[in-house]
Amino acid sequence: MRIYIRSIKTNEGNDFPTFEFCKRIEAAMHWDTRERAGHMVSSERGGITVKAPDGTERTAHISDFKIEERPQGGFAISCEDPFSIN
């Protein structure tokens, strides 16, 4: 299952931002152009490490970002959900 970046928050005193995700592209953070979304993807080209949303200490590395056009305009960034059970 693909998930979408919902928000990116900077953390005071920490160089690493916090990424929040959602399951619906309509609720995703978006950029006006594919190029702007691509800039964010290229800045994270080494990938990011995320914590499981269930509050456990599990982590996963994500690096398969894709840029997708939203039906209502703009471009969202998605990745495969590392914690989904198929």
N, C-alpha and C. Protein backbone atom coordinates (compact mmCIF):
# COMPACT_ATOMS: atom_id res chain seq x y z
N MET A 1 0.85 -1.17 0.00
CA MET A 1 0.00 0.00 0.00
C MET A 1 0.90 1.24 0.00
N ARG A 2 0.54 2.23 -0.82
CA ARG A 2 1.29 3.47 -0.86
C ARG A 2 0.70 4.44 0.16
N ILE A 3 1.57 5.22 0.76
CA ILE A 3 1.16 6.28 1.69
C ILE A 3 1.76 7.59 1.19
N TYR A 4 1.20 8.69 1.65
CA TYR A 4 1.57 10.02 1.17
C TYR A 4 2.07 10.89 2.31
N ILE A 5 3.03 11.75 2.01
CA ILE A 5 3.50 12.70 3.02
C ILE A 5 2.38 13.67 3.32
N ARG A 6 1.97 13.74 4.59
CA ARG A 6 0.93 14.66 5.02
C ARG A 6 1.54 15.96 5.53
N SER A 7 2.69 15.87 6.21
CA SER A 7 3.36 17.07 6.70
C SER A 7 4.82 16.78 6.98
N ILE A 8 5.60 17.84 6.98
CA ILE A 8 7.01 17.76 7.34
C ILE A 8 7.23 18.85 8.39
N LYS A 9 7.64 18.45 9.57
CA LYS A 9 7.83 19.40 10.67
C LYS A 9 9.30 19.45 11.05
N THR A 10 9.81 20.66 11.26
CA THR A 10 11.18 20.79 11.74
C THR A 10 11.17 20.66 13.26
N ASN A 11 12.23 20.10 13.78
CA ASN A 11 12.35 19.89 15.21
C ASN A 11 13.44 20.78 15.76
N GLU A 12 13.09 21.64 16.67
CA GLU A 12 14.06 22.54 17.29
C GLU A 12 15.18 21.75 17.95
N GLY A 13 16.41 22.12 17.64
CA GLY A 13 17.54 21.45 18.24
C GLY A 13 17.88 20.11 17.60
N ASN A 14 17.22 19.79 16.48
CA ASN A 14 17.45 18.51 15.81
C ASN A 14 17.47 18.78 14.31
N ASP A 15 18.46 18.27 13.62
CA ASP A 15 18.58 18.49 12.17
C ASP A 15 17.61 17.65 11.35
N PHE A 16 16.96 16.68 11.99
CA PHE A 16 16.11 15.76 11.25
C PHE A 16 14.65 16.14 11.38
N PRO A 17 13.95 16.34 10.26
CA PRO A 17 12.52 16.68 10.33
C PRO A 17 11.68 15.45 10.69
N THR A 18 10.46 15.70 11.11
CA THR A 18 9.49 14.65 11.38
C THR A 18 8.51 14.61 10.22
N PHE A 19 8.35 13.43 9.63
CA PHE A 19 7.42 13.24 8.53
C PHE A 19 6.17 12.58 9.07
N GLU A 20 5.00 13.10 8.67
CA GLU A 20 3.73 12.44 8.98
C GLU A 20 3.13 11.99 7.66
N PHE A 21 2.44 10.85 7.69
CA PHE A 21 1.91 10.26 6.48
C PHE A 21 0.40 10.07 6.57
N CYS A 22 -0.23 9.96 5.40
CA CYS A 22 -1.67 9.66 5.32
C CYS A 22 -1.88 8.67 4.18
N LYS A 23 -3.06 8.08 4.14
CA LYS A 23 -3.35 7.05 3.14
C LYS A 23 -4.04 7.60 1.89
N ARG A 24 -4.53 8.82 1.96
CA ARG A 24 -5.30 9.38 0.84
C ARG A 24 -4.54 10.54 0.19
N ILE A 25 -4.41 10.50 -1.12
CA ILE A 25 -3.70 11.55 -1.84
C ILE A 25 -4.39 12.91 -1.67
N GLU A 26 -5.71 12.88 -1.48
CA GLU A 26 -6.45 14.14 -1.31
C GLU A 26 -6.03 14.87 -0.03
N ALA A 27 -5.57 14.14 0.97
CA ALA A 27 -5.17 14.74 2.25
C ALA A 27 -3.67 15.02 2.32
N ALA A 28 -2.95 14.71 1.26
CA ALA A 28 -1.50 14.82 1.28
C ALA A 28 -1.01 16.26 1.12
N MET A 29 0.16 16.51 1.69
CA MET A 29 0.88 17.76 1.43
C MET A 29 1.15 17.78 -0.07
N HIS A 30 1.14 18.98 -0.66
CA HIS A 30 1.37 19.02 -2.09
C HIS A 30 2.20 20.22 -2.50
N TRP A 31 2.79 20.09 -3.66
CA TRP A 31 3.62 21.13 -4.25
C TRP A 31 2.96 21.56 -5.55
N ASP A 32 3.19 22.83 -5.94
CA ASP A 32 2.55 23.38 -7.14
C ASP A 32 3.04 22.73 -8.43
N THR A 33 4.31 22.34 -8.46
CA THR A 33 4.87 21.76 -9.67
C THR A 33 5.57 20.44 -9.37
N ARG A 34 5.70 19.64 -10.41
CA ARG A 34 6.43 18.37 -10.28
C ARG A 34 7.89 18.66 -9.91
N GLU A 35 8.44 19.74 -10.44
CA GLU A 35 9.84 20.09 -10.15
C GLU A 35 10.05 20.41 -8.68
N ARG A 36 9.13 21.14 -8.07
CA ARG A 36 9.26 21.46 -6.63
C ARG A 36 9.16 20.20 -5.77
N ALA A 37 8.24 19.34 -6.13
CA ALA A 37 8.13 18.06 -5.40
C ALA A 37 9.40 17.25 -5.62
N GLY A 38 9.93 17.29 -6.82
CA GLY A 38 11.15 16.57 -7.13
C GLY A 38 12.34 17.08 -6.34
N HIS A 39 12.36 18.37 -6.07
CA HIS A 39 13.45 18.93 -5.26
C HIS A 39 13.42 18.35 -3.85
N MET A 40 12.24 18.19 -3.27
CA MET A 40 12.14 17.61 -1.94
C MET A 40 12.60 16.15 -1.98
N VAL A 41 12.20 15.42 -3.00
CA VAL A 41 12.61 14.02 -3.13
C VAL A 41 14.12 13.93 -3.27
N SER A 42 14.71 14.79 -4.08
CA SER A 42 16.17 14.72 -4.28
C SER A 42 16.93 15.11 -3.02
N SER A 43 16.34 15.98 -2.18
CA SER A 43 17.01 16.36 -0.94
C SER A 43 17.02 15.20 0.07
N GLU A 44 16.14 14.24 -0.11
CA GLU A 44 16.07 13.06 0.76
C GLU A 44 16.49 11.81 0.00
N ARG A 45 17.38 11.96 -0.99
CA ARG A 45 17.73 10.83 -1.87
C ARG A 45 18.32 9.64 -1.13
N GLY A 46 18.91 9.87 0.03
CA GLY A 46 19.42 8.75 0.82
C GLY A 46 18.33 8.04 1.59
N GLY A 47 17.14 8.62 1.55
CA GLY A 47 16.01 8.04 2.26
C GLY A 47 15.85 8.62 3.65
N ILE A 48 14.81 8.20 4.32
CA ILE A 48 14.53 8.64 5.68
C ILE A 48 14.21 7.43 6.54
N THR A 49 14.44 7.55 7.83
CA THR A 49 14.07 6.51 8.78
C THR A 49 12.83 7.00 9.52
N VAL A 50 11.81 6.17 9.58
CA VAL A 50 10.56 6.54 10.24
C VAL A 50 10.24 5.56 11.35
N LYS A 51 9.50 6.04 12.32
CA LYS A 51 9.03 5.20 13.43
C LYS A 51 7.64 4.66 13.08
N ALA A 52 7.34 3.50 13.61
CA ALA A 52 6.02 2.90 13.40
C ALA A 52 4.94 3.78 14.02
N PRO A 53 3.80 3.91 13.35
CA PRO A 53 2.73 4.75 13.89
C PRO A 53 2.03 4.17 15.10
N ASP A 54 2.34 2.92 15.47
CA ASP A 54 1.66 2.29 16.60
C ASP A 54 2.31 2.58 17.94
N GLY A 55 3.35 3.44 17.94
CA GLY A 55 3.98 3.82 19.19
C GLY A 55 5.06 2.87 19.67
N THR A 56 5.30 1.80 18.94
CA THR A 56 6.37 0.88 19.32
C THR A 56 7.72 1.47 18.89
N GLU A 57 8.76 0.77 19.20
CA GLU A 57 10.10 1.24 18.84
C GLU A 57 10.54 0.79 17.45
N ARG A 58 9.65 0.16 16.69
CA ARG A 58 10.00 -0.29 15.35
C ARG A 58 10.33 0.89 14.44
N THR A 59 11.32 0.73 13.60
CA THR A 59 11.66 1.75 12.61
C THR A 59 11.81 1.09 11.25
N ALA A 60 11.77 1.90 10.20
CA ALA A 60 11.97 1.40 8.84
C ALA A 60 12.62 2.50 8.02
N HIS A 61 13.36 2.10 7.01
CA HIS A 61 14.01 3.04 6.10
C HIS A 61 13.16 3.13 4.83
N ILE A 62 12.89 4.36 4.39
CA ILE A 62 12.09 4.60 3.19
C ILE A 62 12.95 5.36 2.19
N SER A 63 12.99 4.87 0.95
CA SER A 63 13.73 5.59 -0.08
C SER A 63 13.07 5.49 -1.46
N ASP A 64 11.91 4.88 -1.53
CA ASP A 64 11.25 4.68 -2.83
C ASP A 64 10.18 5.75 -3.11
N PHE A 65 10.54 7.01 -2.92
CA PHE A 65 9.59 8.10 -3.11
C PHE A 65 9.17 8.21 -4.58
N LYS A 66 7.89 8.50 -4.78
CA LYS A 66 7.36 8.74 -6.12
C LYS A 66 6.52 10.02 -6.08
N ILE A 67 6.56 10.74 -7.17
CA ILE A 67 5.76 11.96 -7.29
C ILE A 67 4.50 11.61 -8.06
N GLU A 68 3.35 11.98 -7.50
CA GLU A 68 2.07 11.66 -8.13
C GLU A 68 1.23 12.93 -8.26
N GLU A 69 0.57 13.05 -9.40
CA GLU A 69 -0.32 14.19 -9.62
C GLU A 69 -1.62 13.96 -8.86
N ARG A 70 -2.05 15.00 -8.13
CA ARG A 70 -3.29 14.89 -7.36
C ARG A 70 -4.49 15.22 -8.25
N PRO A 71 -5.63 14.57 -8.06
CA PRO A 71 -6.81 14.85 -8.87
C PRO A 71 -7.26 16.31 -8.77
N GLN A 72 -7.06 16.92 -7.61
CA GLN A 72 -7.50 18.30 -7.39
C GLN A 72 -6.39 19.31 -7.68
N GLY A 73 -5.29 18.87 -8.27
CA GLY A 73 -4.20 19.76 -8.64
C GLY A 73 -3.01 19.63 -7.71
N GLY A 74 -1.86 19.96 -8.23
CA GLY A 74 -0.63 19.86 -7.47
C GLY A 74 -0.06 18.45 -7.51
N PHE A 75 1.07 18.28 -6.83
CA PHE A 75 1.79 17.01 -6.85
C PHE A 75 2.11 16.58 -5.42
N ALA A 76 1.84 15.32 -5.13
CA ALA A 76 2.10 14.74 -3.81
C ALA A 76 3.24 13.74 -3.92
N ILE A 77 3.84 13.42 -2.79
CA ILE A 77 4.93 12.46 -2.74
C ILE A 77 4.46 11.24 -1.96
N SER A 78 4.65 10.08 -2.58
CA SER A 78 4.24 8.83 -1.95
C SER A 78 5.42 7.89 -1.78
N CYS A 79 5.21 6.86 -0.98
CA CYS A 79 6.18 5.79 -0.81
C CYS A 79 5.42 4.56 -0.37
N GLU A 80 6.06 3.43 -0.46
CA GLU A 80 5.43 2.19 0.00
C GLU A 80 5.39 2.21 1.53
N ASP A 81 4.26 1.83 2.12
CA ASP A 81 4.12 1.81 3.57
C ASP A 81 4.98 0.66 4.12
N PRO A 82 6.04 0.99 4.87
CA PRO A 82 6.93 -0.07 5.34
C PRO A 82 6.32 -0.92 6.46
N PHE A 83 5.20 -0.49 7.01
CA PHE A 83 4.59 -1.20 8.12
C PHE A 83 3.29 -1.91 7.75
N SER A 84 2.90 -1.84 6.47
CA SER A 84 1.63 -2.48 6.08
C SER A 84 1.83 -3.98 6.00
N ILE A 85 0.79 -4.68 6.33
CA ILE A 85 0.80 -6.14 6.27
C ILE A 85 -0.12 -6.52 5.12
N ASN A 86 0.44 -7.14 4.11
CA ASN A 86 -0.35 -7.49 2.93
C ASN A 86 -0.97 -8.86 3.08
